[in-house]
All heavy atoms as atom14 arrays in JSON, in Angstrom:
{
  "sequence": "VGAENLKLQFDLYHCQIMDGDLIRHLERQFSAIGHIQ",
  "atom14_mask": [
    [1, 1, 1, 1, 1, 1, 1, 0, 0, 0, 0, 0, 0, 0],
    [1, 1, 1, 1, 0, 0, 0, 0, 0, 0, 0, 0, 0, 0],
    [1, 1, 1, 1, 1, 0, 0, 0, 0, 0, 0, 0, 0, 0],
    [1, 1, 1, 1, 1, 1, 1, 1, 1, 0, 0, 0, 0, 0],
    [1, 1, 1, 1, 1, 1, 1, 1, 0, 0, 0, 0, 0, 0],
    [1, 1, 1, 1, 1, 1, 1, 1, 0, 0, 0, 0, 0, 0],
    [1, 1, 1, 1, 1, 1, 1, 1, 1, 0, 0, 0, 0, 0],
    [1, 1, 1, 1, 1, 1, 1, 1, 0, 0, 0, 0, 0, 0],
    [1, 1, 1, 1, 1, 1, 1, 1, 1, 0, 0, 0, 0, 0],
    [1, 1, 1, 1, 1, 1, 1, 1, 1, 1, 1, 0, 0, 0],
    [1, 1, 1, 1, 1, 1, 1, 1, 0, 0, 0, 0, 0, 0],
    [1, 1, 1, 1, 1, 1, 1, 1, 0, 0, 0, 0, 0, 0],
    [1, 1, 1, 1, 1, 1, 1, 1, 1, 1, 1, 1, 0, 0],
    [1, 1, 1, 1, 1, 1, 1, 1, 1, 1, 0, 0, 0, 0],
    [1, 1, 1, 1, 1, 1, 0, 0, 0, 0, 0, 0, 0, 0],
    [1, 1, 1, 1, 1, 1, 1, 1, 1, 0, 0, 0, 0, 0],
    [1, 1, 1, 1, 1, 1, 1, 1, 0, 0, 0, 0, 0, 0],
    [1, 1, 1, 1, 1, 1, 1, 1, 0, 0, 0, 0, 0, 0],
    [1, 1, 1, 1, 1, 1, 1, 1, 0, 0, 0, 0, 0, 0],
    [1, 1, 1, 1, 0, 0, 0, 0, 0, 0, 0, 0, 0, 0],
    [1, 1, 1, 1, 1, 1, 1, 1, 0, 0, 0, 0, 0, 0],
    [1, 1, 1, 1, 1, 1, 1, 1, 0, 0, 0, 0, 0, 0],
    [1, 1, 1, 1, 1, 1, 1, 1, 0, 0, 0, 0, 0, 0],
    [1, 1, 1, 1, 1, 1, 1, 1, 1, 1, 1, 0, 0, 0],
    [1, 1, 1, 1, 1, 1, 1, 1, 1, 1, 0, 0, 0, 0],
    [1, 1, 1, 1, 1, 1, 1, 1, 0, 0, 0, 0, 0, 0],
    [1, 1, 1, 1, 1, 1, 1, 1, 1, 0, 0, 0, 0, 0],
    [1, 1, 1, 1, 1, 1, 1, 1, 1, 1, 1, 0, 0, 0],
    [1, 1, 1, 1, 1, 1, 1, 1, 1, 0, 0, 0, 0, 0],
    [1, 1, 1, 1, 1, 1, 1, 1, 1, 1, 1, 0, 0, 0],
    [1, 1, 1, 1, 1, 1, 0, 0, 0, 0, 0, 0, 0, 0],
    [1, 1, 1, 1, 1, 0, 0, 0, 0, 0, 0, 0, 0, 0],
    [1, 1, 1, 1, 1, 1, 1, 1, 0, 0, 0, 0, 0, 0],
    [1, 1, 1, 1, 0, 0, 0, 0, 0, 0, 0, 0, 0, 0],
    [1, 1, 1, 1, 1, 1, 1, 1, 1, 1, 0, 0, 0, 0],
    [1, 1, 1, 1, 1, 1, 1, 1, 0, 0, 0, 0, 0, 0],
    [1, 1, 1, 1, 1, 1, 1, 1, 1, 0, 0, 0, 0, 0]
  ],
  "atom14_positions": [
    [[2.27, 8.16, 11.96], [1.23, 8.98, 12.57], [0.51, 8.21, 13.67], [0.24, 8.74, 14.74], [0.22, 9.46, 11.5], [-0.96, 10.19, 12.15], [0.92, 10.37, 10.49], [0.0, 0.0, 0.0], [0.0, 0.0, 0.0], [0.0, 0.0, 0.0], [0.0, 0.0, 0.0], [0.0, 0.0, 0.0], [0.0, 0.0, 0.0], [0.0, 0.0, 0.0]],
    [[0.2, 6.96, 13.4], [-0.34, 6.09, 14.43], [-1.76, 6.39, 14.86], [-2.12, 6.12, 16.01], [0.0, 0.0, 0.0], [0.0, 0.0, 0.0], [0.0, 0.0, 0.0], [0.0, 0.0, 0.0], [0.0, 0.0, 0.0], [0.0, 0.0, 0.0], [0.0, 0.0, 0.0], [0.0, 0.0, 0.0], [0.0, 0.0, 0.0], [0.0, 0.0, 0.0]],
    [[-2.59, 6.91, 13.96], [-3.98, 7.23, 14.28], [-4.9, 6.17, 13.67], [-4.79, 5.86, 12.49], [-4.35, 8.62, 13.76], [0.0, 0.0, 0.0], [0.0, 0.0, 0.0], [0.0, 0.0, 0.0], [0.0, 0.0, 0.0], [0.0, 0.0, 0.0], [0.0, 0.0, 0.0], [0.0, 0.0, 0.0], [0.0, 0.0, 0.0], [0.0, 0.0, 0.0]],
    [[-5.81, 5.65, 14.47], [-6.69, 4.59, 13.99], [-7.6, 5.06, 12.86], [-8.01, 4.26, 12.01], [-7.54, 4.05, 15.14], [-6.74, 3.23, 16.16], [-7.63, 2.59, 17.19], [-8.88, 2.76, 17.08], [-7.11, 1.93, 18.1], [0.0, 0.0, 0.0], [0.0, 0.0, 0.0], [0.0, 0.0, 0.0], [0.0, 0.0, 0.0], [0.0, 0.0, 0.0]],
    [[-7.94, 6.34, 12.82], [-8.86, 6.85, 11.8], [-8.12, 7.49, 10.62], [-8.75, 8.2, 9.82], [-9.85, 7.85, 12.4], [-9.18, 9.12, 12.89], [-8.05, 9.09, 13.39], [-9.88, 10.24, 12.76], [0.0, 0.0, 0.0], [0.0, 0.0, 0.0], [0.0, 0.0, 0.0], [0.0, 0.0, 0.0], [0.0, 0.0, 0.0], [0.0, 0.0, 0.0]],
    [[-6.82, 7.25, 10.51], [-6.07, 7.65, 9.31], [-5.91, 6.43, 8.43], [-5.34, 5.41, 8.83], [-4.69, 8.2, 9.7], [-3.84, 8.73, 8.53], [-4.48, 9.94, 7.89], [-2.42, 9.04, 9.0], [0.0, 0.0, 0.0], [0.0, 0.0, 0.0], [0.0, 0.0, 0.0], [0.0, 0.0, 0.0], [0.0, 0.0, 0.0], [0.0, 0.0, 0.0]],
    [[-6.46, 6.49, 7.22], [-6.53, 5.33, 6.35], [-5.91, 5.62, 4.98], [-5.64, 6.76, 4.62], [-8.0, 4.91, 6.16], [-8.71, 4.49, 7.44], [-8.18, 3.18, 7.98], [-8.99, 2.7, 9.18], [-8.51, 1.38, 9.67], [0.0, 0.0, 0.0], [0.0, 0.0, 0.0], [0.0, 0.0, 0.0], [0.0, 0.0, 0.0], [0.0, 0.0, 0.0]],
    [[-5.75, 4.55, 4.23], [-5.18, 4.61, 2.89], [-6.28, 4.71, 1.84], [-7.21, 3.91, 1.82], [-4.33, 3.37, 2.63], [-3.73, 3.21, 1.23], [-2.71, 4.3, 0.95], [-3.1, 1.83, 1.09], [0.0, 0.0, 0.0], [0.0, 0.0, 0.0], [0.0, 0.0, 0.0], [0.0, 0.0, 0.0], [0.0, 0.0, 0.0], [0.0, 0.0, 0.0]],
    [[-6.16, 5.7, 0.98], [-6.99, 5.78, -0.21], [-6.21, 5.1, -1.34], [-5.24, 5.65, -1.85], [-7.29, 7.24, -0.55], [-8.23, 7.44, -1.72], [-8.67, 8.89, -1.83], [-9.0, 9.52, -0.83], [-8.68, 9.44, -3.04], [0.0, 0.0, 0.0], [0.0, 0.0, 0.0], [0.0, 0.0, 0.0], [0.0, 0.0, 0.0], [0.0, 0.0, 0.0]],
    [[-6.63, 3.9, -1.69], [-5.87, 3.06, -2.62], [-6.43, 3.26, -4.02], [-7.49, 2.73, -4.36], [-5.97, 1.59, -2.21], [-4.95, 0.7, -2.86], [-4.07, -0.05, -2.1], [-4.86, 0.6, -4.25], [-3.13, -0.88, -2.69], [-3.93, -0.21, -4.86], [-3.06, -0.96, -4.07], [0.0, 0.0, 0.0], [0.0, 0.0, 0.0], [0.0, 0.0, 0.0]],
    [[-5.73, 4.04, -4.83], [-6.13, 4.27, -6.22], [-5.34, 3.33, -7.11], [-4.13, 3.47, -7.26], [-5.88, 5.73, -6.59], [-6.48, 6.11, -7.93], [-6.24, 5.38, -8.92], [-7.17, 7.14, -8.01], [0.0, 0.0, 0.0], [0.0, 0.0, 0.0], [0.0, 0.0, 0.0], [0.0, 0.0, 0.0], [0.0, 0.0, 0.0], [0.0, 0.0, 0.0]],
    [[-6.05, 2.38, -7.7], [-5.38, 1.35, -8.49], [-4.73, 1.92, -9.74], [-3.71, 1.39, -10.21], [-6.38, 0.25, -8.85], [-6.76, -0.63, -7.64], [-8.21, -1.03, -7.68], [-5.86, -1.85, -7.57], [0.0, 0.0, 0.0], [0.0, 0.0, 0.0], [0.0, 0.0, 0.0], [0.0, 0.0, 0.0], [0.0, 0.0, 0.0], [0.0, 0.0, 0.0]],
    [[-5.28, 2.97, -10.28], [-4.67, 3.64, -11.44], [-3.3, 4.19, -11.08], [-2.29, 3.93, -11.76], [-5.61, 4.75, -11.91], [-5.0, 5.73, -12.88], [-4.85, 5.43, -14.23], [-4.6, 7.0, -12.44], [-4.3, 6.34, -15.12], [-4.06, 7.92, -13.32], [-3.91, 7.59, -14.66], [-3.37, 8.51, -15.53], [0.0, 0.0, 0.0], [0.0, 0.0, 0.0]],
    [[-3.21, 4.94, -10.0], [-1.93, 5.51, -9.58], [-0.94, 4.41, -9.19], [0.26, 4.49, -9.52], [-2.13, 6.46, -8.4], [-2.92, 7.68, -8.74], [-2.6, 8.52, -9.77], [-4.03, 8.21, -8.15], [-3.47, 9.52, -9.82], [-4.35, 9.35, -8.84], [0.0, 0.0, 0.0], [0.0, 0.0, 0.0], [0.0, 0.0, 0.0], [0.0, 0.0, 0.0]],
    [[-1.42, 3.39, -8.5], [-0.54, 2.31, -8.06], [0.04, 1.55, -9.24], [1.23, 1.2, -9.23], [-1.3, 1.37, -7.13], [-0.29, 0.01, -6.46], [0.0, 0.0, 0.0], [0.0, 0.0, 0.0], [0.0, 0.0, 0.0], [0.0, 0.0, 0.0], [0.0, 0.0, 0.0], [0.0, 0.0, 0.0], [0.0, 0.0, 0.0], [0.0, 0.0, 0.0]],
    [[-0.77, 1.3, -10.25], [-0.27, 0.58, -11.42], [0.85, 1.36, -12.1], [1.86, 0.78, -12.52], [-1.41, 0.32, -12.4], [-0.98, -0.27, -13.75], [-0.43, -1.68, -13.65], [-0.43, -2.28, -12.58], [0.06, -2.19, -14.76], [0.0, 0.0, 0.0], [0.0, 0.0, 0.0], [0.0, 0.0, 0.0], [0.0, 0.0, 0.0], [0.0, 0.0, 0.0]],
    [[0.72, 2.67, -12.19], [1.73, 3.49, -12.84], [3.02, 3.53, -12.03], [4.12, 3.43, -12.58], [1.19, 4.9, -13.08], [0.08, 4.86, -14.14], [2.3, 5.86, -13.53], [-0.68, 6.16, -14.31], [0.0, 0.0, 0.0], [0.0, 0.0, 0.0], [0.0, 0.0, 0.0], [0.0, 0.0, 0.0], [0.0, 0.0, 0.0], [0.0, 0.0, 0.0]],
    [[2.92, 3.63, -10.72], [4.1, 3.81, -9.87], [4.7, 2.49, -9.38], [5.92, 2.38, -9.24], [3.75, 4.68, -8.66], [3.3, 6.09, -9.01], [4.53, 7.05, -9.92], [5.84, 7.22, -8.7], [0.0, 0.0, 0.0], [0.0, 0.0, 0.0], [0.0, 0.0, 0.0], [0.0, 0.0, 0.0], [0.0, 0.0, 0.0], [0.0, 0.0, 0.0]],
    [[3.86, 1.5, -9.08], [4.34, 0.3, -8.41], [3.98, -1.02, -9.09], [4.72, -1.99, -8.99], [3.79, 0.24, -6.97], [4.39, 1.3, -6.07], [5.61, 1.26, -5.87], [3.64, 2.15, -5.56], [0.0, 0.0, 0.0], [0.0, 0.0, 0.0], [0.0, 0.0, 0.0], [0.0, 0.0, 0.0], [0.0, 0.0, 0.0], [0.0, 0.0, 0.0]],
    [[2.83, -1.07, -9.77], [2.37, -2.34, -10.34], [2.03, -3.36, -9.26], [1.83, -3.01, -8.1], [0.0, 0.0, 0.0], [0.0, 0.0, 0.0], [0.0, 0.0, 0.0], [0.0, 0.0, 0.0], [0.0, 0.0, 0.0], [0.0, 0.0, 0.0], [0.0, 0.0, 0.0], [0.0, 0.0, 0.0], [0.0, 0.0, 0.0], [0.0, 0.0, 0.0]],
    [[1.95, -4.64, -9.67], [1.72, -5.74, -8.73], [0.5, -5.45, -7.85], [0.53, -5.57, -6.63], [2.96, -5.96, -7.87], [3.04, -7.36, -7.27], [2.32, -8.25, -7.76], [3.8, -7.54, -6.31], [0.0, 0.0, 0.0], [0.0, 0.0, 0.0], [0.0, 0.0, 0.0], [0.0, 0.0, 0.0], [0.0, 0.0, 0.0], [0.0, 0.0, 0.0]],
    [[-0.62, -5.1, -8.49], [-1.77, -4.54, -7.79], [-2.37, -5.47, -6.75], [-2.65, -5.05, -5.62], [-2.85, -4.14, -8.82], [-2.46, -3.04, -9.8], [-3.59, -2.8, -10.79], [-2.1, -1.75, -9.06], [0.0, 0.0, 0.0], [0.0, 0.0, 0.0], [0.0, 0.0, 0.0], [0.0, 0.0, 0.0], [0.0, 0.0, 0.0], [0.0, 0.0, 0.0]],
    [[-2.61, -6.71, -7.11], [-3.28, -7.61, -6.18], [-2.43, -7.86, -4.94], [-2.94, -7.88, -3.81], [-3.67, -8.92, -6.88], [-4.88, -8.66, -7.8], [-4.0, -10.02, -5.87], [-5.33, -9.86, -8.61], [0.0, 0.0, 0.0], [0.0, 0.0, 0.0], [0.0, 0.0, 0.0], [0.0, 0.0, 0.0], [0.0, 0.0, 0.0], [0.0, 0.0, 0.0]],
    [[-1.13, -8.02, -5.12], [-0.27, -8.23, -3.94], [-0.24, -6.98, -3.06], [-0.24, -7.09, -1.82], [1.15, -8.61, -4.39], [1.22, -9.98, -5.04], [0.91, -11.09, -4.05], [0.91, -12.4, -4.68], [-0.18, -13.1, -4.98], [-1.38, -12.61, -4.71], [-0.09, -14.28, -5.57], [0.0, 0.0, 0.0], [0.0, 0.0, 0.0], [0.0, 0.0, 0.0]],
    [[-0.22, -5.8, -3.65], [-0.29, -4.58, -2.84], [-1.61, -4.51, -2.08], [-1.63, -4.17, -0.89], [-0.13, -3.34, -3.73], [1.3, -2.98, -4.02], [2.17, -2.55, -3.05], [2.0, -2.98, -5.18], [3.35, -2.31, -3.6], [3.27, -2.55, -4.88], [0.0, 0.0, 0.0], [0.0, 0.0, 0.0], [0.0, 0.0, 0.0], [0.0, 0.0, 0.0]],
    [[-2.7, -4.83, -2.74], [-3.99, -4.84, -2.05], [-3.99, -5.81, -0.88], [-4.49, -5.49, 0.21], [-5.1, -5.22, -3.03], [-5.58, -4.15, -4.01], [-6.52, -4.77, -5.03], [-6.26, -3.0, -3.29], [0.0, 0.0, 0.0], [0.0, 0.0, 0.0], [0.0, 0.0, 0.0], [0.0, 0.0, 0.0], [0.0, 0.0, 0.0], [0.0, 0.0, 0.0]],
    [[-3.44, -6.98, -1.08], [-3.41, -7.98, -0.02], [-2.57, -7.51, 1.17], [-2.99, -7.64, 2.32], [-2.87, -9.3, -0.56], [-3.8, -9.99, -1.54], [-3.15, -11.18, -2.22], [-1.91, -11.26, -2.25], [-3.9, -12.04, -2.73], [0.0, 0.0, 0.0], [0.0, 0.0, 0.0], [0.0, 0.0, 0.0], [0.0, 0.0, 0.0], [0.0, 0.0, 0.0]],
    [[-1.39, -6.97, 0.88], [-0.49, -6.55, 1.96], [-1.03, -5.34, 2.72], [-0.81, -5.21, 3.93], [0.89, -6.22, 1.39], [1.7, -7.45, 0.95], [3.15, -7.08, 0.71], [3.31, -6.17, -0.4], [3.54, -6.53, -1.67], [3.6, -7.82, -1.97], [3.69, -5.64, -2.62], [0.0, 0.0, 0.0], [0.0, 0.0, 0.0], [0.0, 0.0, 0.0]],
    [[-1.73, -4.47, 2.04], [-2.17, -3.21, 2.65], [-3.65, -3.21, 3.01], [-4.19, -2.2, 3.45], [-1.86, -2.06, 1.68], [-0.37, -1.93, 1.39], [-0.06, -1.12, 0.15], [-0.85, -0.3, -0.27], [1.1, -1.36, -0.45], [0.0, 0.0, 0.0], [0.0, 0.0, 0.0], [0.0, 0.0, 0.0], [0.0, 0.0, 0.0], [0.0, 0.0, 0.0]],
    [[-4.29, -4.35, 2.88], [-5.74, -4.41, 2.98], [-6.26, -3.83, 4.29], [-7.25, -3.09, 4.31], [-6.21, -5.86, 2.83], [-7.71, -5.99, 2.8], [-8.42, -5.59, 1.68], [-8.39, -6.49, 3.89], [-9.81, -5.7, 1.65], [-9.77, -6.6, 3.86], [-10.49, -6.2, 2.75], [0.0, 0.0, 0.0], [0.0, 0.0, 0.0], [0.0, 0.0, 0.0]],
    [[-5.62, -4.12, 5.39], [-6.12, -3.67, 6.69], [-6.07, -2.15, 6.84], [-6.76, -1.59, 7.71], [-5.33, -4.32, 7.83], [-3.97, -3.92, 7.79], [0.0, 0.0, 0.0], [0.0, 0.0, 0.0], [0.0, 0.0, 0.0], [0.0, 0.0, 0.0], [0.0, 0.0, 0.0], [0.0, 0.0, 0.0], [0.0, 0.0, 0.0], [0.0, 0.0, 0.0]],
    [[-5.29, -1.48, 6.02], [-5.14, -0.03, 6.11], [-6.07, 0.72, 5.17], [-6.18, 1.95, 5.25], [-3.7, 0.38, 5.81], [0.0, 0.0, 0.0], [0.0, 0.0, 0.0], [0.0, 0.0, 0.0], [0.0, 0.0, 0.0], [0.0, 0.0, 0.0], [0.0, 0.0, 0.0], [0.0, 0.0, 0.0], [0.0, 0.0, 0.0], [0.0, 0.0, 0.0]],
    [[-6.75, 0.01, 4.27], [-7.51, 0.67, 3.2], [-8.84, 1.21, 3.7], [-9.62, 0.5, 4.32], [-7.74, -0.31, 2.03], [-6.41, -0.66, 1.35], [-8.71, 0.29, 1.0], [-6.53, -1.74, 0.29], [0.0, 0.0, 0.0], [0.0, 0.0, 0.0], [0.0, 0.0, 0.0], [0.0, 0.0, 0.0], [0.0, 0.0, 0.0], [0.0, 0.0, 0.0]],
    [[-9.08, 2.49, 3.4], [-10.35, 3.11, 3.73], [-11.22, 3.4, 2.53], [-12.42, 3.65, 2.67], [0.0, 0.0, 0.0], [0.0, 0.0, 0.0], [0.0, 0.0, 0.0], [0.0, 0.0, 0.0], [0.0, 0.0, 0.0], [0.0, 0.0, 0.0], [0.0, 0.0, 0.0], [0.0, 0.0, 0.0], [0.0, 0.0, 0.0], [0.0, 0.0, 0.0]],
    [[-10.62, 3.37, 1.34], [-11.36, 3.66, 0.12], [-10.52, 3.21, -1.06], [-9.29, 3.22, -0.99], [-11.63, 5.17, 0.03], [-12.55, 5.57, -1.1], [-13.87, 5.21, -1.14], [-12.33, 6.31, -2.23], [-14.43, 5.72, -2.24], [-13.52, 6.39, -2.91], [0.0, 0.0, 0.0], [0.0, 0.0, 0.0], [0.0, 0.0, 0.0], [0.0, 0.0, 0.0]],
    [[-11.2, 2.83, -2.15], [-10.51, 2.38, -3.36], [-11.05, 3.16, -4.55], [-12.24, 3.51, -4.6], [-10.71, 0.86, -3.56], [-9.93, 0.08, -2.5], [-10.28, 0.41, -4.96], [-10.18, -1.42, -2.51], [0.0, 0.0, 0.0], [0.0, 0.0, 0.0], [0.0, 0.0, 0.0], [0.0, 0.0, 0.0], [0.0, 0.0, 0.0], [0.0, 0.0, 0.0]],
    [[-10.16, 3.45, -5.51], [-10.57, 4.1, -6.74], [-10.0, 3.35, -7.94], [-8.95, 2.7, -7.84], [-10.11, 5.56, -6.77], [-10.84, 6.43, -5.75], [-10.3, 7.84, -5.67], [-9.09, 8.06, -5.75], [-11.18, 8.81, -5.5], [0.0, 0.0, 0.0], [0.0, 0.0, 0.0], [0.0, 0.0, 0.0], [0.0, 0.0, 0.0], [0.0, 0.0, 0.0]]
  ]
}
């Protein structure tokens, strides 16, 4: 999409179920995060 105001809503609950490795995902995606749950 390439829009500066399009961000990632990082829900740790959903990420743990689907992907795990939460801290590494947070680190890699940190610059894109607009909100955390």
